[in-house]
Amino acid sequence: MTADRPGGTPRRLVLASASPARLGLLRQAGLAPEVIVSGVDEDKVHAPTPAELALSLAEAKAAHVAARPEASGALVIGCDSVLELDGRALGKPADAAEATARWQQMRGRVGILQTGHCVYDTAAKRYESATASTVVRFGEPTDAEIAAYVASGEPLHVAGAFTLDGRSAPFIEGIDGDPGNVIGLSLPLLRRLLAKLDVGITELWTA
């Protein structure tokens, strides 16, 4: 394993995302990443399937940050999530009207939350990437509940217009797969990607 710098201090870890949910998951797992937002124009990234789109976006974000001088020597984590519904990739809704229409479309149905993950080792100039998929079973909130949820503003900031750990949690009947993946990042998948780069996740713990 090559995670440690000389002297035994953990390698720098950089999260290429402004997502507080992803940052929170990493911190809860004993990691202390710096945050450098990628600034990738997501509208210019295209792929044939939702899973491939999520992966392409994650790779683009990780590569964009890894190329910056301030990320030199660090391990860079890039992630992106989309909700797959009827074969389409749904990201963050553009406005309240779109968020409302999304929930009216999703209620009582099943979608797949696709989250692309990419870990870029800037020291070794190598990266590993993969997509995690979690099935989400939506409940049937009333029009009034949907309106109240949209008015909270929360669905405008998250892929698929919902969260598993926020105000929409009562409207999610259940999931099949990793809950962390729905929140924003699959820690088991992150561990596997790090291992492929000869980095043990426990060697990145800060406490």
Protein backbone atom coordinates (compact mmCIF):
# COMPACT_ATOMS: atom_id res chain seq x y z
CA MET A 1 0.00 0.00 0.00
CA THR A 2 1.23 3.50 -0.84
CA ALA A 3 -1.26 5.78 0.89
CA ASP A 4 1.13 7.33 3.39
CA ARG A 5 3.58 10.12 2.76
CA PRO A 6 7.04 9.90 4.29
CA GLY A 7 6.60 10.37 8.01
CA GLY A 8 3.34 8.46 8.16
CA THR A 9 0.87 11.27 7.48
CA PRO A 10 -2.10 10.36 5.25
CA ARG A 11 -2.17 11.34 1.61
CA ARG A 12 -4.08 14.51 0.79
CA LEU A 13 -7.63 13.81 -0.25
CA VAL A 14 -9.57 16.24 -2.43
CA LEU A 15 -13.29 16.15 -3.12
CA ALA A 16 -14.09 17.65 -6.54
CA SER A 17 -17.62 18.56 -5.50
CA ALA A 18 -19.49 21.27 -3.63
CA SER A 19 -21.97 18.69 -2.27
CA PRO A 20 -22.29 18.97 1.52
CA ALA A 21 -23.84 15.49 1.55
CA ARG A 22 -20.77 13.91 -0.06
CA LEU A 23 -18.45 15.82 2.25
CA GLY A 24 -20.48 14.68 5.24
CA LEU A 25 -20.34 11.02 4.21
CA LEU A 26 -16.55 11.16 3.85
CA ARG A 27 -16.10 12.88 7.19
CA GLN A 28 -18.33 10.33 8.92
CA ALA A 29 -16.07 7.62 7.49
CA GLY A 30 -13.00 9.15 9.15
CA LEU A 31 -11.71 11.06 6.13
CA ALA A 32 -10.92 14.77 5.94
CA PRO A 33 -10.98 15.86 2.30
CA GLU A 34 -10.29 19.34 1.05
CA VAL A 35 -12.91 20.68 -1.35
CA ILE A 36 -12.00 22.00 -4.79
CA VAL A 37 -15.04 22.50 -7.00
CA SER A 38 -14.42 21.39 -10.58
CA GLY A 39 -16.45 23.96 -12.50
CA VAL A 40 -17.15 21.44 -15.27
CA ASP A 41 -19.98 22.51 -17.60
CA GLU A 42 -22.28 19.51 -17.15
CA ASP A 43 -24.43 20.46 -20.13
CA LYS A 44 -21.49 19.75 -22.45
CA VAL A 45 -21.02 16.16 -21.23
CA HIS A 46 -23.04 13.53 -23.09
CA ALA A 47 -23.30 9.73 -22.98
CA PRO A 48 -25.66 7.07 -24.40
CA THR A 49 -27.08 5.88 -21.05
CA PRO A 50 -27.74 7.46 -17.63
CA ALA A 51 -25.13 5.21 -15.98
CA GLU A 52 -22.51 6.18 -18.54
CA LEU A 53 -23.45 9.85 -18.20
CA ALA A 54 -22.96 9.77 -14.43
CA LEU A 55 -19.59 8.09 -14.93
CA SER A 56 -18.47 10.54 -17.64
CA LEU A 57 -19.37 13.49 -15.43
CA ALA A 58 -17.51 12.01 -12.46
CA GLU A 59 -14.41 11.38 -14.58
CA ALA A 60 -14.56 14.89 -16.06
CA LYS A 61 -14.80 16.49 -12.62
CA ALA A 62 -11.95 14.43 -11.17
CA ALA A 63 -9.69 15.06 -14.17
CA HIS A 64 -10.44 18.78 -14.17
CA VAL A 65 -9.44 19.18 -10.53
CA ALA A 66 -6.51 16.74 -10.77
CA ALA A 67 -4.97 18.95 -13.46
CA ARG A 68 -4.83 21.96 -11.14
CA PRO A 69 -1.53 22.80 -9.41
CA GLU A 70 -3.24 22.98 -6.01
CA ALA A 71 -4.23 19.32 -6.32
CA SER A 72 -0.69 18.10 -7.00
CA GLY A 73 0.10 14.90 -5.15
CA ALA A 74 -3.45 14.42 -3.93
CA LEU A 75 -6.06 11.74 -4.41
CA VAL A 76 -9.01 13.42 -6.13
CA ILE A 77 -12.56 12.09 -5.82
CA GLY A 78 -15.08 13.06 -8.48
CA CYS A 79 -18.75 12.05 -8.26
CA ASP A 80 -21.96 12.80 -10.08
CA SER A 81 -25.50 11.47 -9.68
CA VAL A 82 -28.48 11.22 -11.99
CA LEU A 83 -31.85 9.54 -11.55
CA GLU A 84 -32.68 7.07 -14.30
CA LEU A 85 -36.41 7.04 -15.04
CA ASP A 86 -37.87 5.61 -18.26
CA GLY A 87 -34.33 5.37 -19.62
CA ARG A 88 -33.75 9.11 -19.19
CA ALA A 89 -31.17 10.79 -16.97
CA LEU A 90 -32.69 13.35 -14.60
CA GLY A 91 -30.31 15.71 -12.83
CA LYS A 92 -31.16 18.78 -10.78
CA PRO A 93 -34.45 20.40 -11.82
CA ALA A 94 -34.09 23.83 -13.43
CA ASP A 95 -36.85 25.46 -11.38
CA ALA A 96 -39.80 24.84 -9.08
CA ALA A 97 -42.15 24.00 -11.94
CA GLU A 98 -39.81 21.28 -13.19
CA ALA A 99 -39.34 19.91 -9.67
CA THR A 100 -43.11 19.68 -9.27
CA ALA A 101 -43.53 17.93 -12.60
CA ARG A 102 -40.75 15.49 -11.68
CA TRP A 103 -42.43 14.45 -8.45
CA GLN A 104 -45.78 14.05 -10.17
CA GLN A 105 -44.02 11.77 -12.64
CA MET A 106 -42.02 9.81 -10.05
CA ARG A 107 -44.65 9.12 -7.39
CA GLY A 108 -45.67 5.50 -7.11
CA ARG A 109 -42.88 4.43 -9.43
CA VAL A 110 -39.38 2.97 -9.32
CA GLY A 111 -36.21 4.72 -10.49
CA ILE A 112 -32.50 3.97 -10.38
CA LEU A 113 -30.09 6.41 -8.80
CA GLN A 114 -26.85 6.22 -10.78
CA THR A 115 -23.75 7.72 -9.20
CA GLY A 116 -20.49 7.84 -11.09
CA HIS A 117 -17.31 7.67 -9.01
CA CYS A 118 -13.77 8.47 -10.12
CA VAL A 119 -10.61 8.50 -8.00
CA TYR A 120 -7.59 10.14 -9.61
CA ASP A 121 -4.15 9.60 -8.10
CA THR A 122 -2.27 12.71 -9.22
CA ALA A 123 1.05 11.35 -7.97
CA ALA A 124 0.83 8.14 -10.02
CA LYS A 125 -1.09 9.75 -12.91
CA ARG A 126 -3.66 6.94 -12.71
CA TYR A 127 -7.37 6.78 -12.11
CA GLU A 128 -10.08 4.22 -11.47
CA SER A 129 -13.80 4.75 -12.00
CA ALA A 130 -17.14 2.95 -11.81
CA THR A 131 -20.85 3.62 -11.40
CA ALA A 132 -22.95 2.48 -8.44
CA SER A 133 -26.67 1.86 -8.97
CA THR A 134 -29.41 1.90 -6.32
CA VAL A 135 -33.08 1.17 -6.96
CA VAL A 136 -35.41 3.75 -5.39
CA ARG A 137 -39.11 3.05 -4.75
CA PHE A 138 -41.08 6.28 -4.54
CA GLY A 139 -44.19 6.69 -2.43
CA GLU A 140 -47.26 8.62 -3.46
CA PRO A 141 -47.15 12.10 -1.92
CA THR A 142 -50.23 14.23 -2.51
CA ASP A 143 -50.15 17.33 -4.68
CA ALA A 144 -50.19 19.41 -1.50
CA GLU A 145 -47.20 17.50 -0.09
CA ILE A 146 -45.31 17.91 -3.34
CA ALA A 147 -46.05 21.64 -3.36
CA ALA A 148 -44.82 22.00 0.22
CA TYR A 149 -41.65 20.05 -0.55
CA VAL A 150 -40.88 22.10 -3.64
CA ALA A 151 -41.51 25.31 -1.68
CA SER A 152 -38.80 24.22 0.79
CA GLY A 153 -36.24 24.64 -1.99
CA GLU A 154 -34.52 21.34 -1.25
CA PRO A 155 -35.32 19.52 -4.52
CA LEU A 156 -33.75 22.29 -6.61
CA HIS A 157 -30.29 21.41 -5.33
CA VAL A 158 -30.21 17.63 -5.71
CA ALA A 159 -30.15 15.13 -8.57
CA GLY A 160 -33.55 13.67 -9.26
CA ALA A 161 -35.23 16.37 -7.12
CA PHE A 162 -35.12 14.23 -3.96
CA THR A 163 -32.90 13.21 -1.08
CA LEU A 164 -32.88 10.15 1.13
CA ASP A 165 -31.69 12.05 4.19
CA GLY A 166 -33.79 15.21 3.92
CA ARG A 167 -37.39 16.41 3.73
CA SER A 168 -38.33 13.98 0.98
CA ALA A 169 -37.38 10.93 3.09
CA PRO A 170 -41.05 10.30 4.06
CA PHE A 171 -41.88 10.06 0.36
CA ILE A 172 -39.38 7.23 -0.29
CA GLU A 173 -40.88 3.80 0.37
CA GLY A 174 -37.56 1.97 0.19
CA ILE A 175 -34.38 1.28 -1.74
CA ASP A 176 -32.46 -1.73 -2.99
CA GLY A 177 -28.75 -1.08 -2.71
CA ASP A 178 -26.35 1.26 -0.96
CA PRO A 179 -28.12 4.19 0.77
CA GLY A 180 -24.93 6.24 0.69
CA ASN A 181 -25.02 6.05 -3.08
CA VAL A 182 -28.41 7.78 -3.06
CA ILE A 183 -27.16 10.43 -0.64
CA GLY A 184 -24.24 11.12 -2.96
CA LEU A 185 -21.35 8.66 -2.62
CA SER A 186 -20.93 4.92 -2.18
CA LEU A 187 -18.26 4.32 0.45
CA PRO A 188 -17.92 0.59 -0.41
CA LEU A 189 -17.29 1.47 -4.06
CA LEU A 190 -14.84 4.20 -3.04
CA ARG A 191 -12.92 1.62 -1.00
CA ARG A 192 -12.71 -0.72 -3.99
CA LEU A 193 -11.50 2.04 -6.32
CA LEU A 194 -8.85 3.12 -3.84
CA ALA A 195 -7.68 -0.49 -3.50
CA LYS A 196 -7.18 -0.68 -7.27
CA LEU A 197 -4.87 2.31 -6.88
CA ASP A 198 -2.97 0.50 -4.10
CA VAL A 199 -4.41 2.78 -1.43
CA GLY A 200 -6.04 1.37 1.69
CA ILE A 201 -8.96 3.47 2.90
CA THR A 202 -7.99 2.95 6.55
CA GLU A 203 -4.63 4.58 5.78
CA LEU A 204 -6.52 7.76 4.92
CA TRP A 205 -8.26 7.99 8.28
CA THR A 206 -7.35 11.20 10.07
CA ALA A 207 -8.38 10.10 13.57
